Amino acid sequence: TVEQAHHHILFSRAHSYRHAWLRHHLEKTRGVFENWT
């Protein structure tokens, strides 16, 4: 509706954040992964 939560949360903390950065860490560096809390 505004922005997906994961992007919104990160932008709220740093306005230089860009959408592609998260995909880079998920798919390239593998520094983060998706699962469940």
PDB file of all heavy atoms in Angstrom:
ATOM      1  N   THR A   1       0.825  -1.192   0.000  1.00  0.00           N
ATOM      2  CA  THR A   1       0.000   0.000   0.000  1.00  0.00           C
ATOM      3  C   THR A   1       0.871   1.259   0.000  1.00  0.00           C
ATOM      4  O   THR A   1       0.612   2.221  -0.731  1.00  0.00           O
ATOM      5  CB  THR A   1      -0.940   0.007   1.214  1.00  0.00           C
ATOM      6  OG1 THR A   1      -1.766  -1.168   1.166  1.00  0.00           O
ATOM      7  CG2 THR A   1      -1.814   1.245   1.235  1.00  0.00           C
ATOM      8  N   VAL A   2       1.893   1.247   0.827  1.00  0.00           N
ATOM      9  CA  VAL A   2       2.937   2.276   0.764  1.00  0.00           C
ATOM     10  C   VAL A   2       4.219   1.609   0.276  1.00  0.00           C
ATOM     11  O   VAL A   2       4.700   1.869  -0.816  1.00  0.00           O
ATOM     12  CB  VAL A   2       3.142   2.952   2.134  1.00  0.00           C
ATOM     13  CG1 VAL A   2       4.295   3.965   2.059  1.00  0.00           C
ATOM     14  CG2 VAL A   2       1.865   3.661   2.580  1.00  0.00           C
ATOM     15  N   GLU A   3       4.775   0.723   1.100  1.00  0.00           N
ATOM     16  CA  GLU A   3       5.957  -0.046   0.722  1.00  0.00           C
ATOM     17  C   GLU A   3       5.973  -1.336   1.529  1.00  0.00           C
ATOM     18  O   GLU A   3       5.454  -1.375   2.650  1.00  0.00           O
ATOM     19  CB  GLU A   3       7.232   0.756   0.975  1.00  0.00           C
ATOM     20  CG  GLU A   3       8.526   0.069   0.545  1.00  0.00           C
ATOM     21  CD  GLU A   3       8.480  -0.418  -0.904  1.00  0.00           C
ATOM     22  OE1 GLU A   3       7.942  -1.512  -1.155  1.00  0.00           O
ATOM     23  OE2 GLU A   3       8.994   0.299  -1.767  1.00  0.00           O
ATOM     24  N   GLN A   4       6.520  -2.396   0.961  1.00  0.00           N
ATOM     25  CA  GLN A   4       6.612  -3.668   1.667  1.00  0.00           C
ATOM     26  C   GLN A   4       7.404  -3.488   2.954  1.00  0.00           C
ATOM     27  O   GLN A   4       8.361  -2.711   3.013  1.00  0.00           O
ATOM     28  CB  GLN A   4       7.251  -4.721   0.772  1.00  0.00           C
ATOM     29  CG  GLN A   4       6.370  -5.094  -0.412  1.00  0.00           C
ATOM     30  CD  GLN A   4       7.085  -5.940  -1.449  1.00  0.00           C
ATOM     31  OE1 GLN A   4       8.292  -5.812  -1.631  1.00  0.00           O
ATOM     32  NE2 GLN A   4       6.335  -6.785  -2.140  1.00  0.00           N
ATOM     33  N   ALA A   5       6.998  -4.210   3.991  1.00  0.00           N
ATOM     34  CA  ALA A   5       7.503  -3.977   5.337  1.00  0.00           C
ATOM     35  C   ALA A   5       9.021  -4.020   5.425  1.00  0.00           C
ATOM     36  O   ALA A   5       9.645  -3.183   6.100  1.00  0.00           O
ATOM     37  CB  ALA A   5       6.899  -5.004   6.293  1.00  0.00           C
ATOM     38  N   HIS A   6       9.659  -4.998   4.769  1.00  0.00           N
ATOM     39  CA  HIS A   6      11.103  -5.146   4.889  1.00  0.00           C
ATOM     40  C   HIS A   6      11.837  -3.919   4.344  1.00  0.00           C
ATOM     41  O   HIS A   6      12.809  -3.448   4.956  1.00  0.00           O
ATOM     42  CB  HIS A   6      11.592  -6.429   4.206  1.00  0.00           C
ATOM     43  CG  HIS A   6      10.888  -6.766   2.943  1.00  0.00           C
ATOM     44  ND1 HIS A   6       9.553  -7.142   2.905  1.00  0.00           N
ATOM     45  CD2 HIS A   6      11.315  -6.793   1.647  1.00  0.00           C
ATOM     46  CE1 HIS A   6       9.213  -7.376   1.651  1.00  0.00           C
ATOM     47  NE2 HIS A   6      10.249  -7.165   0.876  1.00  0.00           N
ATOM     48  N   HIS A   7      11.375  -3.393   3.219  1.00  0.00           N
ATOM     49  CA  HIS A   7      11.988  -2.180   2.679  1.00  0.00           C
ATOM     50  C   HIS A   7      11.666  -0.962   3.552  1.00  0.00           C
ATOM     51  O   HIS A   7      12.520  -0.100   3.788  1.00  0.00           O
ATOM     52  CB  HIS A   7      11.513  -1.928   1.256  1.00  0.00           C
ATOM     53  CG  HIS A   7      11.945  -2.976   0.276  1.00  0.00           C
ATOM     54  ND1 HIS A   7      13.258  -3.342   0.112  1.00  0.00           N
ATOM     55  CD2 HIS A   7      11.228  -3.740  -0.602  1.00  0.00           C
ATOM     56  CE1 HIS A   7      13.345  -4.286  -0.817  1.00  0.00           C
ATOM     57  NE2 HIS A   7      12.134  -4.544  -1.267  1.00  0.00           N
ATOM     58  N   HIS A   8      10.438  -0.895   4.025  1.00  0.00           N
ATOM     59  CA  HIS A   8      10.002   0.233   4.851  1.00  0.00           C
ATOM     60  C   HIS A   8      10.832   0.327   6.129  1.00  0.00           C
ATOM     61  O   HIS A   8      11.310   1.410   6.509  1.00  0.00           O
ATOM     62  CB  HIS A   8       8.513   0.052   5.185  1.00  0.00           C
ATOM     63  CG  HIS A   8       7.873   1.234   5.821  1.00  0.00           C
ATOM     64  ND1 HIS A   8       6.559   1.593   5.587  1.00  0.00           N
ATOM     65  CD2 HIS A   8       8.331   2.150   6.715  1.00  0.00           C
ATOM     66  CE1 HIS A   8       6.267   2.665   6.293  1.00  0.00           C
ATOM     67  NE2 HIS A   8       7.330   3.019   6.988  1.00  0.00           N
ATOM     68  N   ILE A   9      11.006  -0.805   6.805  1.00  0.00           N
ATOM     69  CA  ILE A   9      11.747  -0.833   8.069  1.00  0.00           C
ATOM     70  C   ILE A   9      13.170  -0.334   7.866  1.00  0.00           C
ATOM     71  O   ILE A   9      13.692   0.459   8.663  1.00  0.00           O
ATOM     72  CB  ILE A   9      11.736  -2.262   8.649  1.00  0.00           C
ATOM     73  CG1 ILE A   9      10.319  -2.628   9.121  1.00  0.00           C
ATOM     74  CG2 ILE A   9      12.742  -2.406   9.791  1.00  0.00           C
ATOM     75  CD1 ILE A   9      10.129  -4.113   9.403  1.00  0.00           C
ATOM     76  N   LEU A  10      13.805  -0.774   6.807  1.00  0.00           N
ATOM     77  CA  LEU A  10      15.196  -0.385   6.561  1.00  0.00           C
ATOM     78  C   LEU A  10      15.308   1.070   6.132  1.00  0.00           C
ATOM     79  O   LEU A  10      16.217   1.792   6.567  1.00  0.00           O
ATOM     80  CB  LEU A  10      15.807  -1.324   5.521  1.00  0.00           C
ATOM     81  CG  LEU A  10      15.917  -2.784   5.997  1.00  0.00           C
ATOM     82  CD1 LEU A  10      16.283  -3.705   4.845  1.00  0.00           C
ATOM     83  CD2 LEU A  10      16.914  -2.922   7.145  1.00  0.00           C
ATOM     84  N   PHE A  11      14.375   1.549   5.320  1.00  0.00           N
ATOM     85  CA  PHE A  11      14.395   2.951   4.913  1.00  0.00           C
ATOM     86  C   PHE A  11      14.161   3.876   6.109  1.00  0.00           C
ATOM     87  O   PHE A  11      14.729   4.975   6.168  1.00  0.00           O
ATOM     88  CB  PHE A  11      13.339   3.193   3.838  1.00  0.00           C
ATOM     89  CG  PHE A  11      13.274   4.623   3.366  1.00  0.00           C
ATOM     90  CD1 PHE A  11      14.294   5.159   2.600  1.00  0.00           C
ATOM     91  CD2 PHE A  11      12.185   5.433   3.686  1.00  0.00           C
ATOM     92  CE1 PHE A  11      14.242   6.488   2.161  1.00  0.00           C
ATOM     93  CE2 PHE A  11      12.118   6.747   3.253  1.00  0.00           C
ATOM     94  CZ  PHE A  11      13.150   7.280   2.489  1.00  0.00           C
ATOM     95  N   SER A  12      13.352   3.453   7.063  1.00  0.00           N
ATOM     96  CA  SER A  12      13.093   4.273   8.248  1.00  0.00           C
ATOM     97  C   SER A  12      14.363   4.524   9.052  1.00  0.00           C
ATOM     98  O   SER A  12      14.449   5.511   9.791  1.00  0.00           O
ATOM     99  CB  SER A  12      12.056   3.595   9.155  1.00  0.00           C
ATOM    100  OG  SER A  12      10.790   3.565   8.532  1.00  0.00           O
ATOM    101  N   ARG A  13      15.330   3.647   8.917  1.00  0.00           N
ATOM    102  CA  ARG A  13      16.573   3.770   9.683  1.00  0.00           C
ATOM    103  C   ARG A  13      17.699   4.425   8.898  1.00  0.00           C
ATOM    104  O   ARG A  13      18.662   4.902   9.497  1.00  0.00           O
ATOM    105  CB  ARG A  13      16.983   2.386  10.187  1.00  0.00           C
ATOM    106  CG  ARG A  13      16.115   1.986  11.381  1.00  0.00           C
ATOM    107  CD  ARG A  13      15.904   0.497  11.523  1.00  0.00           C
ATOM    108  NE  ARG A  13      15.090   0.253  12.714  1.00  0.00           N
ATOM    109  CZ  ARG A  13      13.742   0.346  12.721  1.00  0.00           C
ATOM    110  NH1 ARG A  13      13.089   0.660  11.609  1.00  0.00           N
ATOM    111  NH2 ARG A  13      13.065   0.128  13.833  1.00  0.00           N
ATOM    112  N   ALA A  14      17.587   4.421   7.589  1.00  0.00           N
ATOM    113  CA  ALA A  14      18.620   5.050   6.764  1.00  0.00           C
ATOM    114  C   ALA A  14      18.013   5.423   5.425  1.00  0.00           C
ATOM    115  O   ALA A  14      17.667   4.548   4.631  1.00  0.00           O
ATOM    116  CB  ALA A  14      19.802   4.106   6.566  1.00  0.00           C
ATOM    117  N   HIS A  15      17.881   6.708   5.163  1.00  0.00           N
ATOM    118  CA  HIS A  15      17.215   7.153   3.937  1.00  0.00           C
ATOM    119  C   HIS A  15      18.068   6.964   2.694  1.00  0.00           C
ATOM    120  O   HIS A  15      17.583   7.184   1.571  1.00  0.00           O
ATOM    121  CB  HIS A  15      16.785   8.615   4.086  1.00  0.00           C
ATOM    122  CG  HIS A  15      15.650   8.791   5.037  1.00  0.00           C
ATOM    123  ND1 HIS A  15      15.430   9.946   5.743  1.00  0.00           N
ATOM    124  CD2 HIS A  15      14.663   7.931   5.428  1.00  0.00           C
ATOM    125  CE1 HIS A  15      14.368   9.813   6.513  1.00  0.00           C
ATOM    126  NE2 HIS A  15      13.893   8.593   6.344  1.00  0.00           N
ATOM    127  N   SER A  16      19.319   6.544   2.870  1.00  0.00           N
ATOM    128  CA  SER A  16      20.137   6.216   1.700  1.00  0.00           C
ATOM    129  C   SER A  16      19.899   4.774   1.245  1.00  0.00           C
ATOM    130  O   SER A  16      20.440   4.365   0.211  1.00  0.00           O
ATOM    131  CB  SER A  16      21.620   6.421   2.008  1.00  0.00           C
ATOM    132  OG  SER A  16      22.022   5.638   3.118  1.00  0.00           O
ATOM    133  N   TYR A  17      19.105   4.009   1.993  1.00  0.00           N
ATOM    134  CA  TYR A  17      18.811   2.610   1.636  1.00  0.00           C
ATOM    135  C   TYR A  17      18.162   2.529   0.259  1.00  0.00           C
ATOM    136  O   TYR A  17      17.326   3.366  -0.104  1.00  0.00           O
ATOM    137  CB  TYR A  17      17.886   1.990   2.679  1.00  0.00           C
ATOM    138  CG  TYR A  17      17.307   0.655   2.263  1.00  0.00           C
ATOM    139  CD1 TYR A  17      18.094  -0.491   2.285  1.00  0.00           C
ATOM    140  CD2 TYR A  17      15.986   0.549   1.823  1.00  0.00           C
ATOM    141  CE1 TYR A  17      17.572  -1.716   1.884  1.00  0.00           C
ATOM    142  CE2 TYR A  17      15.462  -0.667   1.431  1.00  0.00           C
ATOM    143  CZ  TYR A  17      16.265  -1.795   1.464  1.00  0.00           C
ATOM    144  OH  TYR A  17      15.746  -3.008   1.057  1.00  0.00           O
ATOM    145  N   ARG A  18      18.522   1.490  -0.506  1.00  0.00           N
ATOM    146  CA  ARG A  18      17.937   1.234  -1.810  1.00  0.00           C
ATOM    147  C   ARG A  18      17.425  -0.200  -1.885  1.00  0.00           C
ATOM    148  O   ARG A  18      18.033  -1.123  -1.317  1.00  0.00           O
ATOM    149  CB  ARG A  18      18.968   1.473  -2.926  1.00  0.00           C
ATOM    150  CG  ARG A  18      19.433   2.921  -3.013  1.00  0.00           C
ATOM    151  CD  ARG A  18      18.284   3.834  -3.413  1.00  0.00           C
ATOM    152  NE  ARG A  18      18.668   5.244  -3.465  1.00  0.00           N
ATOM    153  CZ  ARG A  18      18.437   6.111  -2.476  1.00  0.00           C
ATOM    154  NH1 ARG A  18      17.847   5.695  -1.343  1.00  0.00           N
ATOM    155  NH2 ARG A  18      18.788   7.365  -2.584  1.00  0.00           N
ATOM    156  N   HIS A  19      16.327  -0.392  -2.601  1.00  0.00           N
ATOM    157  CA  HIS A  19      15.664  -1.692  -2.656  1.00  0.00           C
ATOM    158  C   HIS A  19      16.611  -2.821  -3.054  1.00  0.00           C
ATOM    159  O   HIS A  19      16.554  -3.919  -2.498  1.00  0.00           O
ATOM    160  CB  HIS A  19      14.493  -1.653  -3.638  1.00  0.00           C
ATOM    161  CG  HIS A  19      13.378  -0.736  -3.242  1.00  0.00           C
ATOM    162  ND1 HIS A  19      13.451   0.629  -3.424  1.00  0.00           N
ATOM    163  CD2 HIS A  19      12.168  -0.990  -2.689  1.00  0.00           C
ATOM    164  CE1 HIS A  19      12.324   1.189  -3.007  1.00  0.00           C
ATOM    165  NE2 HIS A  19      11.526   0.228  -2.550  1.00  0.00           N
ATOM    166  N   ALA A  20      17.457  -2.568  -4.026  1.00  0.00           N
ATOM    167  CA  ALA A  20      18.321  -3.628  -4.567  1.00  0.00           C
ATOM    168  C   ALA A  20      19.340  -4.131  -3.553  1.00  0.00           C
ATOM    169  O   ALA A  20      19.875  -5.237  -3.705  1.00  0.00           O
ATOM    170  CB  ALA A  20      19.031  -3.131  -5.822  1.00  0.00           C
ATOM    171  N   TRP A  21      19.612  -3.358  -2.527  1.00  0.00           N
ATOM    172  CA  TRP A  21      20.615  -3.772  -1.549  1.00  0.00           C
ATOM    173  C   TRP A  21      20.206  -5.056  -0.828  1.00  0.00           C
ATOM    174  O   TRP A  21      21.041  -5.921  -0.570  1.00  0.00           O
ATOM    175  CB  TRP A  21      20.833  -2.662  -0.525  1.00  0.00           C
ATOM    176  CG  TRP A  21      21.471  -1.429  -1.067  1.00  0.00           C
ATOM    177  CD1 TRP A  21      21.801  -1.166  -2.372  1.00  0.00           C
ATOM    178  CD2 TRP A  21      21.852  -0.276  -0.317  1.00  0.00           C
ATOM    179  NE1 TRP A  21      22.362   0.081  -2.480  1.00  0.00           N
ATOM    180  CE2 TRP A  21      22.417   0.656  -1.239  1.00  0.00           C
ATOM    181  CE3 TRP A  21      21.775   0.077   1.021  1.00  0.00           C
ATOM    182  CZ2 TRP A  21      22.891   1.898  -0.836  1.00  0.00           C
ATOM    183  CZ3 TRP A  21      22.253   1.302   1.426  1.00  0.00           C
ATOM    184  CH2 TRP A  21      22.804   2.211   0.507  1.00  0.00           C
ATOM    185  N   LEU A  22      18.936  -5.148  -0.476  1.00  0.00           N
ATOM    186  CA  LEU A  22      18.493  -6.320   0.270  1.00  0.00           C
ATOM    187  C   LEU A  22      18.614  -7.577  -0.581  1.00  0.00           C
ATOM    188  O   LEU A  22      19.072  -8.626  -0.100  1.00  0.00           O
ATOM    189  CB  LEU A  22      17.055  -6.122   0.748  1.00  0.00           C
ATOM    190  CG  LEU A  22      16.506  -7.200   1.681  1.00  0.00           C
ATOM    191  CD1 LEU A  22      17.389  -7.355   2.919  1.00  0.00           C
ATOM    192  CD2 LEU A  22      15.076  -6.858   2.096  1.00  0.00           C
ATOM    193  N   ARG A  23      18.215  -7.494  -1.839  1.00  0.00           N
ATOM    194  CA  ARG A  23      18.360  -8.646  -2.734  1.00  0.00           C
ATOM    195  C   ARG A  23      19.828  -9.045  -2.864  1.00  0.00           C
ATOM    196  O   ARG A  23      20.147 -10.236  -2.927  1.00  0.00           O
ATOM    197  CB  ARG A  23      17.768  -8.319  -4.095  1.00  0.00           C
ATOM    198  CG  ARG A  23      18.048  -9.383  -5.150  1.00  0.00           C
ATOM    199  CD  ARG A  23      17.212  -9.193  -6.390  1.00  0.00           C
ATOM    200  NE  ARG A  23      15.838  -9.595  -6.145  1.00  0.00           N
ATOM    201  CZ  ARG A  23      14.912  -9.678  -7.097  1.00  0.00           C
ATOM    202  NH1 ARG A  23      15.213  -9.394  -8.350  1.00  0.00           N
ATOM    203  NH2 ARG A  23      13.682 -10.037  -6.794  1.00  0.00           N
ATOM    204  N   HIS A  24      20.711  -8.066  -2.891  1.00  0.00           N
ATOM    205  CA  HIS A  24      22.143  -8.363  -2.980  1.00  0.00           C
ATOM    206  C   HIS A  24      22.587  -9.236  -1.812  1.00  0.00           C
ATOM    207  O   HIS A  24      23.303 -10.233  -2.003  1.00  0.00           O
ATOM    208  CB  HIS A  24      22.931  -7.047  -2.991  1.00  0.00           C
ATOM    209  CG  HIS A  24      24.412  -7.219  -2.909  1.00  0.00           C
ATOM    210  ND1 HIS A  24      25.180  -7.564  -3.992  1.00  0.00           N
ATOM    211  CD2 HIS A  24      25.267  -7.097  -1.846  1.00  0.00           C
ATOM    212  CE1 HIS A  24      26.441  -7.655  -3.622  1.00  0.00           C
ATOM    213  NE2 HIS A  24      26.525  -7.377  -2.336  1.00  0.00           N
ATOM    214  N   HIS A  25      22.152  -8.888  -0.609  1.00  0.00           N
ATOM    215  CA  HIS A  25      22.572  -9.659   0.567  1.00  0.00           C
ATOM    216  C   HIS A  25      21.858 -11.003   0.653  1.00  0.00           C
ATOM    217  O   HIS A  25      22.430 -11.976   1.164  1.00  0.00           O
ATOM    218  CB  HIS A  25      22.340  -8.836   1.834  1.00  0.00           C
ATOM    219  CG  HIS A  25      23.332  -7.729   2.007  1.00  0.00           C
ATOM    220  ND1 HIS A  25      24.575  -7.916   2.568  1.00  0.00           N
ATOM    221  CD2 HIS A  25      23.277  -6.417   1.658  1.00  0.00           C
ATOM    222  CE1 HIS A  25      25.239  -6.772   2.580  1.00  0.00           C
ATOM    223  NE2 HIS A  25      24.466  -5.844   2.033  1.00  0.00           N
ATOM    224  N   LEU A  26      20.643 -11.077   0.157  1.00  0.00           N
ATOM    225  CA  LEU A  26      19.912 -12.342   0.166  1.00  0.00           C
ATOM    226  C   LEU A  26      20.427 -13.314  -0.893  1.00  0.00           C
ATOM    227  O   LEU A  26      20.586 -14.510  -0.619  1.00  0.00           O
ATOM    228  CB  LEU A  26      18.423 -12.091  -0.072  1.00  0.00           C
ATOM    229  CG  LEU A  26      17.598 -11.608   1.116  1.00  0.00           C
ATOM    230  CD1 LEU A  26      16.272 -11.036   0.640  1.00  0.00           C
ATOM    231  CD2 LEU A  26      17.350 -12.758   2.099  1.00  0.00           C
ATOM    232  N   GLU A  27      20.702 -12.808  -2.080  1.00  0.00           N
ATOM    233  CA  GLU A  27      20.968 -13.687  -3.219  1.00  0.00           C
ATOM    234  C   GLU A  27      22.431 -13.750  -3.637  1.00  0.00           C
ATOM    235  O   GLU A  27      22.831 -14.727  -4.295  1.00  0.00           O
ATOM    236  CB  GLU A  27      20.117 -13.245  -4.409  1.00  0.00           C
ATOM    237  CG  GLU A  27      18.622 -13.279  -4.126  1.00  0.00           C
ATOM    238  CD  GLU A  27      17.781 -12.834  -5.314  1.00  0.00           C
ATOM    239  OE1 GLU A  27      18.330 -12.754  -6.439  1.00  0.00           O
ATOM    240  OE2 GLU A  27      16.580 -12.545  -5.118  1.00  0.00           O
ATOM    241  N   LYS A  28      23.215 -12.750  -3.271  1.00  0.00           N
ATOM    242  CA  LYS A  28      24.615 -12.720  -3.707  1.00  0.00           C
ATOM    243  C   LYS A  28      25.564 -13.074  -2.566  1.00  0.00           C
ATOM    244  O   LYS A  28      26.283 -14.075  -2.636  1.00  0.00           O
ATOM    245  CB  LYS A  28      24.962 -11.341  -4.288  1.00  0.00           C
ATOM    246  CG  LYS A  28      24.093 -10.928  -5.466  1.00  0.00           C
ATOM    247  CD  LYS A  28      24.234 -11.873  -6.651  1.00  0.00           C
ATOM    248  CE  LYS A  28      23.401 -11.369  -7.830  1.00  0.00           C
ATOM    249  NZ  LYS A  28      23.458 -12.300  -8.992  1.00  0.00           N
ATOM    250  N   THR A  29      25.600 -12.253  -1.543  1.00  0.00           N
ATOM    251  CA  THR A  29      26.539 -12.515  -0.452  1.00  0.00           C
ATOM    252  C   THR A  29      26.063 -13.624   0.469  1.00  0.00           C
ATOM    253  O   THR A  29      26.864 -14.219   1.183  1.00  0.00           O
ATOM    254  CB  THR A  29      26.764 -11.256   0.400  1.00  0.00           C
ATOM    255  OG1 THR A  29      25.591 -10.970   1.172  1.00  0.00           O
ATOM    256  CG2 THR A  29      27.109 -10.057  -0.468  1.00  0.00           C
ATOM    257  N   ARG A  30      24.757 -13.895   0.486  1.00  0.00           N
ATOM    258  CA  ARG A  30      24.135 -14.879   1.379  1.00  0.00           C
ATOM    259  C   ARG A  30      24.383 -14.528   2.850  1.00  0.00           C
ATOM    260  O   ARG A  30      24.440 -15.396   3.713  1.00  0.00           O
ATOM    261  CB  ARG A  30      24.652 -16.298   1.103  1.00  0.00           C
ATOM    262  CG  ARG A  30      24.400 -16.795  -0.315  1.00  0.00           C
ATOM    263  CD  ARG A  30      22.940 -16.940  -0.629  1.00  0.00           C
ATOM    264  NE  ARG A  30      22.718 -17.690  -1.881  1.00  0.00           N
ATOM    265  CZ  ARG A  30      21.543 -17.794  -2.498  1.00  0.00           C
ATOM    266  NH1 ARG A  30      20.474 -17.191  -1.988  1.00  0.00           N
ATOM    267  NH2 ARG A  30      21.424 -18.494  -3.614  1.00  0.00           N
ATOM    268  N   GLY A  31      24.499 -13.237   3.122  1.00  0.00           N
ATOM    269  CA  GLY A  31      24.697 -12.803   4.498  1.00  0.00           C
ATOM    270  C   GLY A  31      23.443 -12.860   5.335  1.00  0.00           C
ATOM    271  O   GLY A  31      23.508 -12.806   6.572  1.00  0.00           O
ATOM    272  N   VAL A  32      22.281 -12.943   4.684  1.00  0.00           N
ATOM    273  CA  VAL A  32      20.997 -13.091   5.374  1.00  0.00           C
ATOM    274  C   VAL A  32      20.190 -14.168   4.667  1.00  0.00           C
ATOM    275  O   VAL A  32      20.452 -14.496   3.503  1.00  0.00           O
ATOM    276  CB  VAL A  32      20.206 -11.753   5.416  1.00  0.00           C
ATOM    277  CG1 VAL A  32      20.910 -10.732   6.294  1.00  0.00           C
ATOM    278  CG2 VAL A  32      20.010 -11.199   4.008  1.00  0.00           C
ATOM    279  N   PHE A  33      19.224 -14.738   5.374  1.00  0.00           N
ATOM    280  CA  PHE A  33      18.353 -15.749   4.786  1.00  0.00           C
ATOM    281  C   PHE A  33      16.923 -15.512   5.238  1.00  0.00           C
ATOM    282  O   PHE A  33      16.678 -14.780   6.205  1.00  0.00           O
ATOM    283  CB  PHE A  33      18.815 -17.168   5.162  1.00  0.00           C
ATOM    284  CG  PHE A  33      18.526 -17.573   6.590  1.00  0.00           C
ATOM    285  CD1 PHE A  33      17.481 -18.446   6.886  1.00  0.00           C
ATOM    286  CD2 PHE A  33      19.310 -17.118   7.647  1.00  0.00           C
ATOM    287  CE1 PHE A  33      17.214 -18.831   8.193  1.00  0.00           C
ATOM    288  CE2 PHE A  33      19.061 -17.502   8.956  1.00  0.00           C
ATOM    289  CZ  PHE A  33      18.000 -18.372   9.224  1.00  0.00           C
ATOM    290  N   GLU A  34      15.990 -16.110   4.538  1.00  0.00           N
ATOM    291  CA  GLU A  34      14.573 -15.985   4.882  1.00  0.00           C
ATOM    292  C   GLU A  34      14.088 -17.232   5.598  1.00  0.00           C
ATOM    293  O   GLU A  34      14.317 -18.349   5.137  1.00  0.00           O
ATOM    294  CB  GLU A  34      13.726 -15.803   3.623  1.00  0.00           C
ATOM    295  CG  GLU A  34      13.810 -14.435   2.987  1.00  0.00           C
ATOM    296  CD  GLU A  34      12.714 -14.242   1.945  1.00  0.00           C
ATOM    297  OE1 GLU A  34      11.537 -14.494   2.262  1.00  0.00           O
ATOM    298  OE2 GLU A  34      13.056 -13.863   0.811  1.00  0.00           O
ATOM    299  N   ASN A  35      13.438 -17.033   6.724  1.00  0.00           N
ATOM    300  CA  ASN A  35      12.678 -18.102   7.349  1.00  0.00           C
ATOM    301  C   ASN A  35      11.653 -17.491   8.288  1.00  0.00           C
ATOM    302  O   ASN A  35      11.027 -16.498   7.922  1.00  0.00           O
ATOM    303  CB  ASN A  35      13.582 -19.141   8.022  1.00  0.00           C
ATOM    304  CG  ASN A  35      12.875 -20.492   8.102  1.00  0.00           C
ATOM    305  OD1 ASN A  35      12.232 -20.807   9.091  1.00  0.00           O
ATOM    306  ND2 ASN A  35      12.977 -21.286   7.025  1.00  0.00           N
ATOM    307  N   TRP A  36      11.498 -18.009   9.465  1.00  0.00           N
ATOM    308  CA  TRP A  36      10.358 -17.678  10.294  1.00  0.00           C
ATOM    309  C   TRP A  36      10.804 -17.335  11.707  1.00  0.00           C
ATOM    310  O   TRP A  36      11.605 -18.052  12.305  1.00  0.00           O
ATOM    311  CB  TRP A  36       9.409 -18.879  10.338  1.00  0.00           C
ATOM    312  CG  TRP A  36       7.972 -18.544  10.574  1.00  0.00           C
ATOM    313  CD1 TRP A  36       7.306 -18.570  11.772  1.00  0.00           C
ATOM    314  CD2 TRP A  36       6.996 -18.149   9.603  1.00  0.00           C
ATOM    315  NE1 TRP A  36       5.993 -18.212  11.600  1.00  0.00           N
ATOM    316  CE2 TRP A  36       5.776 -17.948  10.271  1.00  0.00           C
ATOM    317  CE3 TRP A  36       7.048 -17.944   8.233  1.00  0.00           C
ATOM    318  CZ2 TRP A  36       4.609 -17.559   9.622  1.00  0.00           C
ATOM    319  CZ3 TRP A  36       5.887 -17.548   7.579  1.00  0.00           C
ATOM    320  CH2 TRP A  36       4.690 -17.363   8.267  1.00  0.00           C
ATOM    321  N   THR A  37      10.298 -16.241  12.249  1.00  0.00           N
ATOM    322  CA  THR A  37      10.379 -15.954  13.680  1.00  0.00           C
ATOM    323  C   THR A  37       8.943 -16.070  14.177  1.00  0.00           C
ATOM    324  O   THR A  37       8.411 -17.163  14.262  1.00  0.00           O
ATOM    325  CB  THR A  37      10.997 -14.564  13.938  1.00  0.00           C
ATOM    326  OG1 THR A  37      10.260 -13.571  13.192  1.00  0.00           O
ATOM    327  CG2 THR A  37      12.457 -14.524  13.503  1.00  0.00           C
TER     328      THR A  37
END
